[in-house]
Amino acid sequence: MNDNGTKGQDRLYQDLARNLIEELATGQYPIGARLPAERELAIKYNVSRPTVREAIIALEVQGMVEVKVGSGAYVRRLPGSDDLPGFNVSAFELTEGRLLFEGEAAALAATQVTDEDIAEIEKLVDEIAHENNDPGGTEQADRKFHLAIAKATRNTAIYNAIEHLWDLRATSPEAALLHEKARSANIKPVVDEHTAILNALRARDANAARSAMRAHLAQVIDSLLFATEERAIEEARRNAQAKRARYSQAT
């Protein structure tokens, strides 16, 4: 297999997930066994580590593996004869689609946006900052921000398409799981990136709005790539500190 980045990544991770399911079915990894490390699987199948991560998430969604942060993926159940690999929209595939659609939507919105639209979008940037400071906060303001820009295009078809992409973020198990992992790793919407989009819209600069939106969503992809890895590193650090504390008390 050759990994060509985000292009074709959906096919690559599905191929890898199918290979892993076949290995589970043949008994190569019994229940309770730990799958090879991410790096080992990447080398074995000649794919990137993000592709491995997506494949493991697909198996996790189907209940075949359990991912223990700071430890790895463990076999939870073996596939039965009736099990078929089922794949939904992945978080990376979804965000890549958003990058294409929302980048152009921002450019169009810059030519159509009203002062009232700008005031609403600016308010939503403030709400994003407020939600980020709330430990129990959601990302509803982020969704409203992007849909407000879609609305500012004055094009119902564009608005409906972007709204559907955002709905998929919650309804696709793979996408929802990775976004939950990102949230647990304290990855939140970046206010400065949203402010850059707002400023481009305020200037009625279509090219700047497109660039700012694409830069923002490219950063979202990067954040998702490292969400589980960062979470594992933090968990490992806490475990190491706890062990040192126990050892110091024992002595």
C-alpha atoms as a PDB file:
ATOM      1  CA  MET A   1       0.000   0.000   0.000  1.00  0.00           C
ATOM      2  CA  ASN A   2       1.094   3.548  -0.612  1.00  0.00           C
ATOM      3  CA  ASP A   3      -0.148   6.386   1.544  1.00  0.00           C
ATOM      4  CA  ASN A   4      -0.769   9.506  -0.512  1.00  0.00           C
ATOM      5  CA  GLY A   5      -1.857  11.770   2.372  1.00  0.00           C
ATOM      6  CA  THR A   6      -5.473  12.772   2.765  1.00  0.00           C
ATOM      7  CA  LYS A   7      -6.256  11.922  -0.864  1.00  0.00           C
ATOM      8  CA  GLY A   8      -7.497   8.330  -0.882  1.00  0.00           C
ATOM      9  CA  GLN A   9      -6.968   8.059   2.867  1.00  0.00           C
ATOM     10  CA  ASP A  10     -10.484   6.724   3.343  1.00  0.00           C
ATOM     11  CA  ARG A  11      -9.658   3.763   1.054  1.00  0.00           C
ATOM     12  CA  LEU A  12      -6.330   3.171   2.763  1.00  0.00           C
ATOM     13  CA  TYR A  13      -7.690   3.047   6.294  1.00  0.00           C
ATOM     14  CA  GLN A  14     -10.573   0.815   5.193  1.00  0.00           C
ATOM     15  CA  ASP A  15      -8.134  -1.591   3.519  1.00  0.00           C
ATOM     16  CA  LEU A  16      -6.049  -1.704   6.681  1.00  0.00           C
ATOM     17  CA  ALA A  17      -9.128  -2.196   8.875  1.00  0.00           C
ATOM     18  CA  ARG A  18     -10.195  -5.133   6.686  1.00  0.00           C
ATOM     19  CA  ASN A  19      -6.728  -6.676   6.983  1.00  0.00           C
ATOM     20  CA  LEU A  20      -6.832  -6.364  10.744  1.00  0.00           C
ATOM     21  CA  ILE A  21     -10.323  -7.878  10.884  1.00  0.00           C
ATOM     22  CA  GLU A  22      -9.068 -10.835   8.833  1.00  0.00           C
ATOM     23  CA  GLU A  23      -6.181 -11.294  11.263  1.00  0.00           C
ATOM     24  CA  LEU A  24      -8.617 -11.233  14.186  1.00  0.00           C
ATOM     25  CA  ALA A  25     -10.839 -13.795  12.442  1.00  0.00           C
ATOM     26  CA  THR A  26      -7.917 -16.186  11.920  1.00  0.00           C
ATOM     27  CA  GLY A  27      -7.035 -16.047  15.607  1.00  0.00           C
ATOM     28  CA  GLN A  28      -3.761 -14.205  15.197  1.00  0.00           C
ATOM     29  CA  TYR A  29      -4.796 -11.938  18.060  1.00  0.00           C
ATOM     30  CA  PRO A  30      -7.004 -13.593  20.714  1.00  0.00           C
ATOM     31  CA  ILE A  31      -9.380 -11.715  22.992  1.00  0.00           C
ATOM     32  CA  GLY A  32      -7.396  -9.621  25.435  1.00  0.00           C
ATOM     33  CA  ALA A  33      -4.319  -9.501  23.222  1.00  0.00           C
ATOM     34  CA  ARG A  34      -2.685  -6.181  22.451  1.00  0.00           C
ATOM     35  CA  LEU A  35      -2.431  -5.237  18.785  1.00  0.00           C
ATOM     36  CA  PRO A  36       0.997  -4.206  17.486  1.00  0.00           C
ATOM     37  CA  ALA A  37       1.955  -0.614  18.180  1.00  0.00           C
ATOM     38  CA  GLU A  38       0.892   2.079  15.755  1.00  0.00           C
ATOM     39  CA  ARG A  39       4.431   2.464  14.421  1.00  0.00           C
ATOM     40  CA  GLU A  40       4.764  -1.297  13.826  1.00  0.00           C
ATOM     41  CA  LEU A  41       1.503  -1.473  11.884  1.00  0.00           C
ATOM     42  CA  ALA A  42       2.506   1.554   9.808  1.00  0.00           C
ATOM     43  CA  ILE A  43       5.769  -0.139   8.816  1.00  0.00           C
ATOM     44  CA  LYS A  44       4.159  -3.541   8.232  1.00  0.00           C
ATOM     45  CA  TYR A  45       1.471  -2.183   5.890  1.00  0.00           C
ATOM     46  CA  ASN A  46       3.486   0.733   4.456  1.00  0.00           C
ATOM     47  CA  VAL A  47       0.959   3.365   5.492  1.00  0.00           C
ATOM     48  CA  SER A  48       1.115   6.486   7.621  1.00  0.00           C
ATOM     49  CA  ARG A  49       0.470   6.462  11.344  1.00  0.00           C
ATOM     50  CA  PRO A  50      -2.664   8.625  10.896  1.00  0.00           C
ATOM     51  CA  THR A  51      -4.026   5.933   8.547  1.00  0.00           C
ATOM     52  CA  VAL A  52      -3.365   3.320  11.244  1.00  0.00           C
ATOM     53  CA  ARG A  53      -5.148   5.530  13.748  1.00  0.00           C
ATOM     54  CA  GLU A  54      -8.243   5.763  11.549  1.00  0.00           C
ATOM     55  CA  ALA A  55      -8.299   1.995  11.040  1.00  0.00           C
ATOM     56  CA  ILE A  56      -8.113   1.365  14.790  1.00  0.00           C
ATOM     57  CA  ILE A  57     -10.927   3.851  15.368  1.00  0.00           C
ATOM     58  CA  ALA A  58     -13.045   1.975  12.807  1.00  0.00           C
ATOM     59  CA  LEU A  59     -12.476  -1.274  14.739  1.00  0.00           C
ATOM     60  CA  GLU A  60     -13.140   0.515  18.022  1.00  0.00           C
ATOM     61  CA  VAL A  61     -16.496   1.784  16.746  1.00  0.00           C
ATOM     62  CA  GLN A  62     -17.443  -1.783  15.778  1.00  0.00           C
ATOM     63  CA  GLY A  63     -16.565  -3.019  19.267  1.00  0.00           C
ATOM     64  CA  MET A  64     -13.720  -5.267  18.149  1.00  0.00           C
ATOM     65  CA  VAL A  65     -10.976  -3.443  20.017  1.00  0.00           C
ATOM     66  CA  GLU A  66     -10.694  -1.261  23.083  1.00  0.00           C
ATOM     67  CA  VAL A  67      -8.167   1.544  23.065  1.00  0.00           C
ATOM     68  CA  LYS A  68      -6.544   2.130  26.448  1.00  0.00           C
ATOM     69  CA  VAL A  69      -4.840   5.497  26.525  1.00  0.00           C
ATOM     70  CA  GLY A  70      -1.128   5.262  27.142  1.00  0.00           C
ATOM     71  CA  SER A  71      -1.205   1.510  26.533  1.00  0.00           C
ATOM     72  CA  GLY A  72      -2.604   0.568  23.127  1.00  0.00           C
ATOM     73  CA  ALA A  73      -5.443  -1.254  21.391  1.00  0.00           C
ATOM     74  CA  TYR A  74      -6.650  -4.551  22.876  1.00  0.00           C
ATOM     75  CA  VAL A  75      -8.914  -7.149  21.272  1.00  0.00           C
ATOM     76  CA  ARG A  76     -12.363  -6.955  22.805  1.00  0.00           C
ATOM     77  CA  ARG A  77     -14.203  -9.438  20.585  1.00  0.00           C
ATOM     78  CA  LEU A  78     -13.475 -11.534  17.529  1.00  0.00           C
ATOM     79  CA  PRO A  79     -15.410 -10.991  14.303  1.00  0.00           C
ATOM     80  CA  GLY A  80     -18.129 -13.530  13.583  1.00  0.00           C
ATOM     81  CA  SER A  81     -19.000 -15.112  10.258  1.00  0.00           C
ATOM     82  CA  ASP A  82     -21.725 -12.519   9.716  1.00  0.00           C
ATOM     83  CA  ASP A  83     -19.502  -9.556  10.527  1.00  0.00           C
ATOM     84  CA  LEU A  84     -18.883  -7.256   7.604  1.00  0.00           C
ATOM     85  CA  PRO A  85     -16.625  -4.228   7.810  1.00  0.00           C
ATOM     86  CA  GLY A  86     -18.928  -1.252   8.104  1.00  0.00           C
ATOM     87  CA  PHE A  87     -17.516   2.205   7.529  1.00  0.00           C
ATOM     88  CA  ASN A  88     -19.057   5.606   7.967  1.00  0.00           C
ATOM     89  CA  VAL A  89     -17.604   9.027   7.234  1.00  0.00           C
ATOM     90  CA  SER A  90     -14.323   9.451   9.092  1.00  0.00           C
ATOM     91  CA  ALA A  91     -13.373  12.684  10.860  1.00  0.00           C
ATOM     92  CA  PHE A  92     -10.558  13.302   8.390  1.00  0.00           C
ATOM     93  CA  GLU A  93     -12.734  12.678   5.342  1.00  0.00           C
ATOM     94  CA  LEU A  94     -15.404  14.948   6.809  1.00  0.00           C
ATOM     95  CA  THR A  95     -13.012  17.790   7.594  1.00  0.00           C
ATOM     96  CA  GLU A  96     -11.432  17.560   4.150  1.00  0.00           C
ATOM     97  CA  GLY A  97     -14.920  17.952   2.665  1.00  0.00           C
ATOM     98  CA  ARG A  98     -15.594  20.908   4.935  1.00  0.00           C
ATOM     99  CA  LEU A  99     -12.337  22.522   3.847  1.00  0.00           C
ATOM    100  CA  LEU A 100     -13.417  22.414   0.208  1.00  0.00           C
ATOM    101  CA  PHE A 101     -17.021  23.508   0.742  1.00  0.00           C
ATOM    102  CA  GLU A 102     -16.554  26.028   3.526  1.00  0.00           C
ATOM    103  CA  GLY A 103     -13.527  27.670   1.928  1.00  0.00           C
ATOM    104  CA  GLU A 104     -15.571  28.589  -1.132  1.00  0.00           C
ATOM    105  CA  ALA A 105     -18.591  29.454   1.004  1.00  0.00           C
ATOM    106  CA  ALA A 106     -16.481  31.942   2.965  1.00  0.00           C
ATOM    107  CA  ALA A 107     -15.294  33.534  -0.284  1.00  0.00           C
ATOM    108  CA  LEU A 108     -18.876  33.919  -1.515  1.00  0.00           C
ATOM    109  CA  ALA A 109     -20.053  35.155   1.867  1.00  0.00           C
ATOM    110  CA  ALA A 110     -17.451  37.921   1.763  1.00  0.00           C
ATOM    111  CA  THR A 111     -19.214  39.348  -1.288  1.00  0.00           C
ATOM    112  CA  GLN A 112     -22.709  39.048   0.202  1.00  0.00           C
ATOM    113  CA  VAL A 113     -22.279  39.600   3.944  1.00  0.00           C
ATOM    114  CA  THR A 114     -24.182  42.430   5.648  1.00  0.00           C
ATOM    115  CA  ASP A 115     -23.270  44.475   8.705  1.00  0.00           C
ATOM    116  CA  GLU A 116     -25.885  42.504  10.636  1.00  0.00           C
ATOM    117  CA  ASP A 117     -24.210  39.253   9.578  1.00  0.00           C
ATOM    118  CA  ILE A 118     -20.831  40.575  10.717  1.00  0.00           C
ATOM    119  CA  ALA A 119     -22.270  41.542  14.112  1.00  0.00           C
ATOM    120  CA  GLU A 120     -23.723  38.019  14.555  1.00  0.00           C
ATOM    121  CA  ILE A 121     -20.508  36.290  13.502  1.00  0.00           C
ATOM    122  CA  GLU A 122     -18.468  38.521  15.829  1.00  0.00           C
ATOM    123  CA  LYS A 123     -20.808  37.606  18.692  1.00  0.00           C
ATOM    124  CA  LEU A 124     -20.264  33.920  17.947  1.00  0.00           C
ATOM    125  CA  VAL A 125     -16.462  34.342  18.098  1.00  0.00           C
ATOM    126  CA  ASP A 126     -16.949  35.677  21.639  1.00  0.00           C
ATOM    127  CA  GLU A 127     -19.184  32.703  22.446  1.00  0.00           C
ATOM    128  CA  ILE A 128     -16.483  30.310  21.192  1.00  0.00           C
ATOM    129  CA  ALA A 129     -14.000  31.927  23.586  1.00  0.00           C
ATOM    130  CA  HIS A 130     -16.524  31.616  26.428  1.00  0.00           C
ATOM    131  CA  GLU A 131     -17.179  27.929  25.701  1.00  0.00           C
ATOM    132  CA  ASN A 132     -13.442  27.241  25.592  1.00  0.00           C
ATOM    133  CA  ASN A 133     -13.115  28.568  29.145  1.00  0.00           C
ATOM    134  CA  ASP A 134     -15.966  26.389  30.391  1.00  0.00           C
ATOM    135  CA  PRO A 135     -14.711  22.898  31.430  1.00  0.00           C
ATOM    136  CA  GLY A 136     -18.129  21.487  30.620  1.00  0.00           C
ATOM    137  CA  GLY A 137     -18.616  23.563  27.499  1.00  0.00           C
ATOM    138  CA  THR A 138     -19.699  22.217  24.140  1.00  0.00           C
ATOM    139  CA  GLU A 139     -18.792  23.386  20.653  1.00  0.00           C
ATOM    140  CA  GLN A 140     -22.217  24.682  19.695  1.00  0.00           C
ATOM    141  CA  ALA A 141     -20.888  28.197  19.141  1.00  0.00           C
ATOM    142  CA  ASP A 142     -18.366  26.806  16.665  1.00  0.00           C
ATOM    143  CA  ARG A 143     -21.150  25.117  14.689  1.00  0.00           C
ATOM    144  CA  LYS A 144     -23.253  28.309  14.758  1.00  0.00           C
ATOM    145  CA  PHE A 145     -20.253  30.354  13.576  1.00  0.00           C
ATOM    146  CA  HIS A 146     -19.730  28.206  10.498  1.00  0.00           C
ATOM    147  CA  LEU A 147     -23.427  28.013   9.701  1.00  0.00           C
ATOM    148  CA  ALA A 148     -23.745  31.796  10.049  1.00  0.00           C
ATOM    149  CA  ILE A 149     -21.119  32.151   7.335  1.00  0.00           C
ATOM    150  CA  ALA A 150     -22.956  29.613   5.184  1.00  0.00           C
ATOM    151  CA  LYS A 151     -26.150  31.610   5.698  1.00  0.00           C
ATOM    152  CA  ALA A 152     -24.354  34.797   4.658  1.00  0.00           C
ATOM    153  CA  THR A 153     -23.786  33.316   1.182  1.00  0.00           C
ATOM    154  CA  ARG A 154     -27.514  33.855   0.551  1.00  0.00           C
ATOM    155  CA  ASN A 155     -27.527  30.432  -1.121  1.00  0.00           C
ATOM    156  CA  THR A 156     -29.826  27.815   0.411  1.00  0.00           C
ATOM    157  CA  ALA A 157     -28.150  24.901  -1.389  1.00  0.00           C
ATOM    158  CA  ILE A 158     -24.751  25.870   0.044  1.00  0.00           C
ATOM    159  CA  TYR A 159     -26.213  26.317   3.516  1.00  0.00           C
ATOM    160  CA  ASN A 160     -27.934  22.905   3.408  1.00  0.00           C
ATOM    161  CA  ALA A 161     -24.758  21.177   2.204  1.00  0.00           C
ATOM    162  CA  ILE A 162     -22.644  22.661   4.989  1.00  0.00           C
ATOM    163  CA  GLU A 163     -25.300  21.963   7.607  1.00  0.00           C
ATOM    164  CA  HIS A 164     -25.328  18.314   6.485  1.00  0.00           C
ATOM    165  CA  LEU A 165     -21.548  18.085   6.874  1.00  0.00           C
ATOM    166  CA  TRP A 166     -21.857  19.383  10.423  1.00  0.00           C
ATOM    167  CA  ASP A 167     -24.655  16.893  11.143  1.00  0.00           C
ATOM    168  CA  LEU A 168     -22.359  14.083   9.998  1.00  0.00           C
ATOM    169  CA  ARG A 169     -19.833  15.126  12.630  1.00  0.00           C
ATOM    170  CA  ALA A 170     -22.319  13.996  15.287  1.00  0.00           C
ATOM    171  CA  THR A 171     -24.052  11.113  13.486  1.00  0.00           C
ATOM    172  CA  SER A 172     -21.058   9.283  11.986  1.00  0.00           C
ATOM    173  CA  PRO A 173     -19.684   7.064  14.789  1.00  0.00           C
ATOM    174  CA  GLU A 174     -16.098   7.309  13.516  1.00  0.00           C
ATOM    175  CA  ALA A 175     -16.205  11.095  13.283  1.00  0.00           C
ATOM    176  CA  ALA A 176     -17.976  11.502  16.619  1.00  0.00           C
ATOM    177  CA  LEU A 177     -15.498   9.236  18.405  1.00  0.00           C
ATOM    178  CA  LEU A 178     -12.408  11.048  17.151  1.00  0.00           C
ATOM    179  CA  HIS A 179     -13.880  14.465  17.925  1.00  0.00           C
ATOM    180  CA  GLU A 180     -14.654  13.203  21.431  1.00  0.00           C
ATOM    181  CA  LYS A 181     -11.046  12.072  21.783  1.00  0.00           C
ATOM    182  CA  ALA A 182      -9.883  15.486  20.601  1.00  0.00           C
ATOM    183  CA  ARG A 183     -12.108  17.209  23.147  1.00  0.00           C
ATOM    184  CA  SER A 184     -10.744  14.937  25.884  1.00  0.00           C
ATOM    185  CA  ALA A 185      -7.229  15.898  24.791  1.00  0.00           C
ATOM    186  CA  ASN A 186      -8.234  19.549  25.392  1.00  0.00           C
ATOM    187  CA  ILE A 187      -8.204  20.413  21.696  1.00  0.00           C
ATOM    188  CA  LYS A 188     -10.721  23.204  21.242  1.00  0.00           C
ATOM    189  CA  PRO A 189     -11.680  25.704  18.525  1.00  0.00           C
ATOM    190  CA  VAL A 190      -8.922  28.291  18.140  1.00  0.00           C
ATOM    191  CA  VAL A 191     -10.305  31.802  18.623  1.00  0.00           C
ATOM    192  CA  ASP A 192      -7.533  33.482  16.601  1.00  0.00           C
ATOM    193  CA  GLU A 193      -8.331  31.344  13.554  1.00  0.00           C
ATOM    194  CA  HIS A 194     -12.009  32.285  13.737  1.00  0.00           C
ATOM    195  CA  THR A 195     -11.097  35.930  14.248  1.00  0.00           C
ATOM    196  CA  ALA A 196      -9.004  35.851  11.059  1.00  0.00           C
ATOM    197  CA  ILE A 197     -12.043  34.596   9.136  1.00  0.00           C
ATOM    198  CA  LEU A 198     -14.197  37.313  10.711  1.00  0.00           C
ATOM    199  CA  ASN A 199     -11.707  40.037   9.788  1.00  0.00           C
ATOM    200  CA  ALA A 200     -11.582  38.854   6.153  1.00  0.00           C
ATOM    201  CA  LEU A 201     -15.386  38.908   5.978  1.00  0.00           C
ATOM    202  CA  ARG A 202     -15.485  42.352   7.552  1.00  0.00           C
ATOM    203  CA  ALA A 203     -13.058  43.559   4.857  1.00  0.00           C
ATOM    204  CA  ARG A 204     -15.282  41.951   2.184  1.00  0.00           C
ATOM    205  CA  ASP A 205     -12.123  40.241   0.905  1.00  0.00           C
ATOM    206  CA  ALA A 206     -13.149  36.973  -0.796  1.00  0.00           C
ATOM    207  CA  ASN A 207      -9.605  35.679  -1.294  1.00  0.00           C
ATOM    208  CA  ALA A 208      -8.631  36.395   2.299  1.00  0.00           C
ATOM    209  CA  ALA A 209     -11.832  34.762   3.584  1.00  0.00           C
ATOM    210  CA  ARG A 210     -11.189  31.645   1.520  1.00  0.00           C
ATOM    211  CA  SER A 211      -7.578  31.439   2.695  1.00  0.00           C
ATOM    212  CA  ALA A 212      -8.467  32.007   6.352  1.00  0.00           C
ATOM    213  CA  MET A 213     -11.183  29.329   6.302  1.00  0.00           C
ATOM    214  CA  ARG A 214      -8.957  26.808   4.549  1.00  0.00           C
ATOM    215  CA  ALA A 215      -6.075  27.524   6.933  1.00  0.00           C
ATOM    216  CA  HIS A 216      -8.409  27.033   9.898  1.00  0.00           C
ATOM    217  CA  LEU A 217      -9.767  23.694   8.676  1.00  0.00           C
ATOM    218  CA  ALA A 218      -6.295  22.468   7.686  1.00  0.00           C
ATOM    219  CA  GLN A 219      -5.303  23.104  11.296  1.00  0.00           C
ATOM    220  CA  VAL A 220      -8.352  21.151  12.466  1.00  0.00           C
ATOM    221  CA  ILE A 221      -7.109  18.173  10.444  1.00  0.00           C
ATOM    222  CA  ASP A 222      -3.661  18.484  12.034  1.00  0.00           C
ATOM    223  CA  SER A 223      -5.232  18.653  15.494  1.00  0.00           C
ATOM    224  CA  LEU A 224      -7.290  15.521  14.862  1.00  0.00           C
ATOM    225  CA  LEU A 225      -4.204  13.661  13.651  1.00  0.00           C
ATOM    226  CA  PHE A 226      -2.497  14.166  16.976  1.00  0.00           C
ATOM    227  CA  ALA A 227      -5.494  14.078  19.295  1.00  0.00           C
ATOM    228  CA  THR A 228      -5.165  10.483  20.427  1.00  0.00           C
ATOM    229  CA  GLU A 229      -1.383  10.641  20.485  1.00  0.00           C
ATOM    230  CA  GLU A 230      -1.341  13.739  22.694  1.00  0.00           C
ATOM    231  CA  ARG A 231      -3.927  12.189  24.959  1.00  0.00           C
ATOM    232  CA  ALA A 232      -1.825   9.053  25.336  1.00  0.00           C
ATOM    233  CA  ILE A 233       1.322  11.056  26.094  1.00  0.00           C
ATOM    234  CA  GLU A 234      -0.470  13.054  28.793  1.00  0.00           C
ATOM    235  CA  GLU A 235      -1.944   9.901  30.312  1.00  0.00           C
ATOM    236  CA  ALA A 236       1.469   8.232  30.320  1.00  0.00           C
ATOM    237  CA  ARG A 237       2.974  11.297  32.004  1.00  0.00           C
ATOM    238  CA  ARG A 238       0.344  11.213  34.765  1.00  0.00           C
ATOM    239  CA  ASN A 239       0.872   7.479  35.280  1.00  0.00           C
ATOM    240  CA  ALA A 240       4.615   7.986  35.552  1.00  0.00           C
ATOM    241  CA  GLN A 241       4.143  10.731  38.142  1.00  0.00           C
ATOM    242  CA  ALA A 242       1.779   8.517  40.146  1.00  0.00           C
ATOM    243  CA  LYS A 243       4.298   5.661  40.117  1.00  0.00           C
ATOM    244  CA  ARG A 244       7.097   7.951  41.271  1.00  0.00           C
ATOM    245  CA  ALA A 245       4.865   9.179  44.091  1.00  0.00           C
ATOM    246  CA  ARG A 246       4.106   5.616  45.205  1.00  0.00           C
ATOM    247  CA  TYR A 247       7.756   4.628  45.101  1.00  0.00           C
ATOM    248  CA  SER A 248       8.789   7.665  47.148  1.00  0.00           C
ATOM    249  CA  GLN A 249       6.168   6.834  49.762  1.00  0.00           C
ATOM    250  CA  ALA A 250       7.333   3.215  49.905  1.00  0.00           C
ATOM    251  CA  THR A 251      10.872   4.269  50.663  1.00  0.00           C
END
